[in-house]
Every structure is written in C-alpha cells, then in structure tokens.
C-alpha cells in the first residue's frame, strides 16, 4: 500500500499556476518543479501555507531554465527522491 507524506510550504514559493499544476521554487536553490494541484491543499491553521502531498516512491524532477535566443531552455535538471526532497524543507 502506498504511504502518503506531507510537507508544509509557504505560498510565496508558488511561481505560476495552471489549471492542473503549480510551478514551485525549491527553497535555498535556483531550481523549480511542477506539482499536481490535486496534491496541494490549503493549510487550515495558516493562510500563508499549503500542504504538499507525495508518496514515498515519488521522484521530484527539478530544473533551472534560462532565456536563450528568445526561448526558455532548461540549463540544469536534477532528480530527488522523496527523502532527499524533504531535506530542503527541514521536515
């Protein structure tokens, strides 16, 4: 059975939102990642925070993009396991 994990993030880490996902900045880095909106939930105790849910087998694909010749291109891509990912949020 899949075990779900939860971390709390500040809303100001969300850089962009579409109908289905949010672009979130990874704290203390220049990296970003997309996360499904179904796995984000408003905190009931702090209006400036969100709960981000993921499974222990989830792989976070983070990237840094820059504008090159008028188009944004990924210049750095890194993958983190759920345990490695949690360390960025000190939880």
C-alpha atoms as a PDB file:
ATOM      1  CA  UNK A   1       0.000   0.000   0.000  1.00  0.00           C
ATOM      2  CA  UNK A   2       1.226   3.471  -0.870  1.00  0.00           C
ATOM      3  CA  UNK A   3       2.147   5.681   2.055  1.00  0.00           C
ATOM      4  CA  UNK A   4       1.467   9.390   1.566  1.00  0.00           C
ATOM      5  CA  UNK A   5       3.719  12.031   3.073  1.00  0.00           C
ATOM      6  CA  UNK A   6       3.033  15.707   3.681  1.00  0.00           C
ATOM      7  CA  UNK A   7       5.189  18.793   3.994  1.00  0.00           C
ATOM      8  CA  UNK A   8       4.073  22.355   4.599  1.00  0.00           C
ATOM      9  CA  UNK A   9       5.295  25.038   2.218  1.00  0.00           C
ATOM     10  CA  UNK A  10       4.841  28.782   2.094  1.00  0.00           C
ATOM     11  CA  UNK A  11       2.520  30.097  -0.639  1.00  0.00           C
ATOM     12  CA  UNK A  12       5.178  32.507  -1.849  1.00  0.00           C
ATOM     13  CA  UNK A  13       7.137  29.543  -3.275  1.00  0.00           C
ATOM     14  CA  UNK A  14       4.488  29.147  -5.989  1.00  0.00           C
ATOM     15  CA  UNK A  15       5.738  30.948  -9.078  1.00  0.00           C
ATOM     16  CA  UNK A  16       2.995  30.029 -11.557  1.00  0.00           C
ATOM     17  CA  UNK A  17      -0.244  28.069 -11.578  1.00  0.00           C
ATOM     18  CA  UNK A  18      -2.130  26.404 -14.424  1.00  0.00           C
ATOM     19  CA  UNK A  19      -5.432  24.534 -14.380  1.00  0.00           C
ATOM     20  CA  UNK A  20      -3.774  21.304 -13.277  1.00  0.00           C
ATOM     21  CA  UNK A  21      -0.420  22.101 -11.695  1.00  0.00           C
ATOM     22  CA  UNK A  22       1.753  24.633  -9.901  1.00  0.00           C
ATOM     23  CA  UNK A  23       5.342  25.657 -10.549  1.00  0.00           C
ATOM     24  CA  UNK A  24       7.067  25.694  -7.173  1.00  0.00           C
ATOM     25  CA  UNK A  25      10.512  27.017  -6.243  1.00  0.00           C
ATOM     26  CA  UNK A  26      12.702  24.657  -4.281  1.00  0.00           C
ATOM     27  CA  UNK A  27      13.897  26.578  -1.171  1.00  0.00           C
ATOM     28  CA  UNK A  28      17.556  27.586  -0.903  1.00  0.00           C
ATOM     29  CA  UNK A  29      18.196  26.714  -4.577  1.00  0.00           C
ATOM     30  CA  UNK A  30      17.652  28.147  -8.043  1.00  0.00           C
ATOM     31  CA  UNK A  31      15.554  25.091  -9.001  1.00  0.00           C
ATOM     32  CA  UNK A  32      11.827  24.702  -9.700  1.00  0.00           C
ATOM     33  CA  UNK A  33       9.432  21.765 -10.055  1.00  0.00           C
ATOM     34  CA  UNK A  34       5.869  21.200 -11.237  1.00  0.00           C
ATOM     35  CA  UNK A  35       3.391  19.560  -8.853  1.00  0.00           C
ATOM     36  CA  UNK A  36      -0.195  18.453  -9.441  1.00  0.00           C
ATOM     37  CA  UNK A  37      -2.804  20.739  -7.851  1.00  0.00           C
ATOM     38  CA  UNK A  38      -4.687  17.669  -6.605  1.00  0.00           C
ATOM     39  CA  UNK A  39      -1.720  17.074  -4.292  1.00  0.00           C
ATOM     40  CA  UNK A  40      -1.746  20.588  -2.832  1.00  0.00           C
ATOM     41  CA  UNK A  41      -4.102  21.649  -0.049  1.00  0.00           C
ATOM     42  CA  UNK A  42      -4.590  24.938   1.786  1.00  0.00           C
ATOM     43  CA  UNK A  43      -3.492  24.855   5.391  1.00  0.00           C
ATOM     44  CA  UNK A  44      -6.343  25.256   7.846  1.00  0.00           C
ATOM     45  CA  UNK A  45      -4.055  26.719  10.526  1.00  0.00           C
ATOM     46  CA  UNK A  46      -2.011  29.204   8.457  1.00  0.00           C
ATOM     47  CA  UNK A  47      -3.480  31.034   5.469  1.00  0.00           C
ATOM     48  CA  UNK A  48       0.007  31.621   4.009  1.00  0.00           C
ATOM     49  CA  UNK A  49       0.856  27.912   3.819  1.00  0.00           C
ATOM     50  CA  UNK A  50      -0.013  24.906   1.701  1.00  0.00           C
ATOM     51  CA  UNK A  51       0.334  21.206   2.353  1.00  0.00           C
ATOM     52  CA  UNK A  52       2.177  19.368  -0.406  1.00  0.00           C
ATOM     53  CA  UNK A  53       1.426  15.635  -0.602  1.00  0.00           C
ATOM     54  CA  UNK A  54       3.525  12.939  -2.270  1.00  0.00           C
ATOM     55  CA  UNK A  55       4.244   9.235  -1.954  1.00  0.00           C
ATOM     56  CA  UNK A  56       7.483   7.815  -0.629  1.00  0.00           C
ATOM     57  CA  UNK A  57       8.276   6.475  -4.115  1.00  0.00           C
ATOM     58  CA  UNK A  58       7.804   9.837  -5.816  1.00  0.00           C
ATOM     59  CA  UNK A  59      10.731  11.293  -7.786  1.00  0.00           C
ATOM     60  CA  UNK A  60      10.848  15.092  -7.972  1.00  0.00           C
ATOM     61  CA  UNK A  61      12.232  16.330 -11.293  1.00  0.00           C
ATOM     62  CA  UNK A  62      13.624  19.791 -10.635  1.00  0.00           C
ATOM     63  CA  UNK A  63      15.036  22.175 -13.203  1.00  0.00           C
ATOM     64  CA  UNK A  64      16.501  25.602 -13.826  1.00  0.00           C
ATOM     65  CA  UNK A  65      15.655  27.379 -17.060  1.00  0.00           C
ATOM     66  CA  UNK A  66      17.119  30.443 -18.731  1.00  0.00           C
ATOM     67  CA  UNK A  67      16.143  32.511 -21.719  1.00  0.00           C
ATOM     68  CA  UNK A  68      18.448  31.590 -24.591  1.00  0.00           C
ATOM     69  CA  UNK A  69      17.921  33.091 -28.057  1.00  0.00           C
ATOM     70  CA  UNK A  70      14.457  34.313 -27.087  1.00  0.00           C
ATOM     71  CA  UNK A  71      13.194  30.976 -25.723  1.00  0.00           C
ATOM     72  CA  UNK A  72      13.369  29.412 -22.275  1.00  0.00           C
ATOM     73  CA  UNK A  73      15.505  26.281 -22.111  1.00  0.00           C
ATOM     74  CA  UNK A  74      16.396  24.012 -19.221  1.00  0.00           C
ATOM     75  CA  UNK A  75      20.038  24.522 -18.325  1.00  0.00           C
ATOM     76  CA  UNK A  76      20.033  22.250 -15.280  1.00  0.00           C
ATOM     77  CA  UNK A  77      17.950  19.202 -14.363  1.00  0.00           C
ATOM     78  CA  UNK A  78      18.142  17.236 -11.104  1.00  0.00           C
ATOM     79  CA  UNK A  79      16.036  14.400  -9.702  1.00  0.00           C
ATOM     80  CA  UNK A  80      15.390  13.977  -5.973  1.00  0.00           C
ATOM     81  CA  UNK A  81      13.823  11.100  -4.073  1.00  0.00           C
ATOM     82  CA  UNK A  82      11.089  11.853  -1.547  1.00  0.00           C
ATOM     83  CA  UNK A  83      13.575  11.644   1.343  1.00  0.00           C
ATOM     84  CA  UNK A  84      16.082  13.954  -0.361  1.00  0.00           C
ATOM     85  CA  UNK A  85      13.265  16.351  -1.243  1.00  0.00           C
ATOM     86  CA  UNK A  86      12.050  16.622   2.354  1.00  0.00           C
ATOM     87  CA  UNK A  87      15.504  17.832   3.455  1.00  0.00           C
ATOM     88  CA  UNK A  88      15.005  21.073   1.507  1.00  0.00           C
ATOM     89  CA  UNK A  89      12.078  21.885   3.775  1.00  0.00           C
ATOM     90  CA  UNK A  90      13.759  20.818   7.060  1.00  0.00           C
ATOM     91  CA  UNK A  91      10.991  18.347   7.904  1.00  0.00           C
END
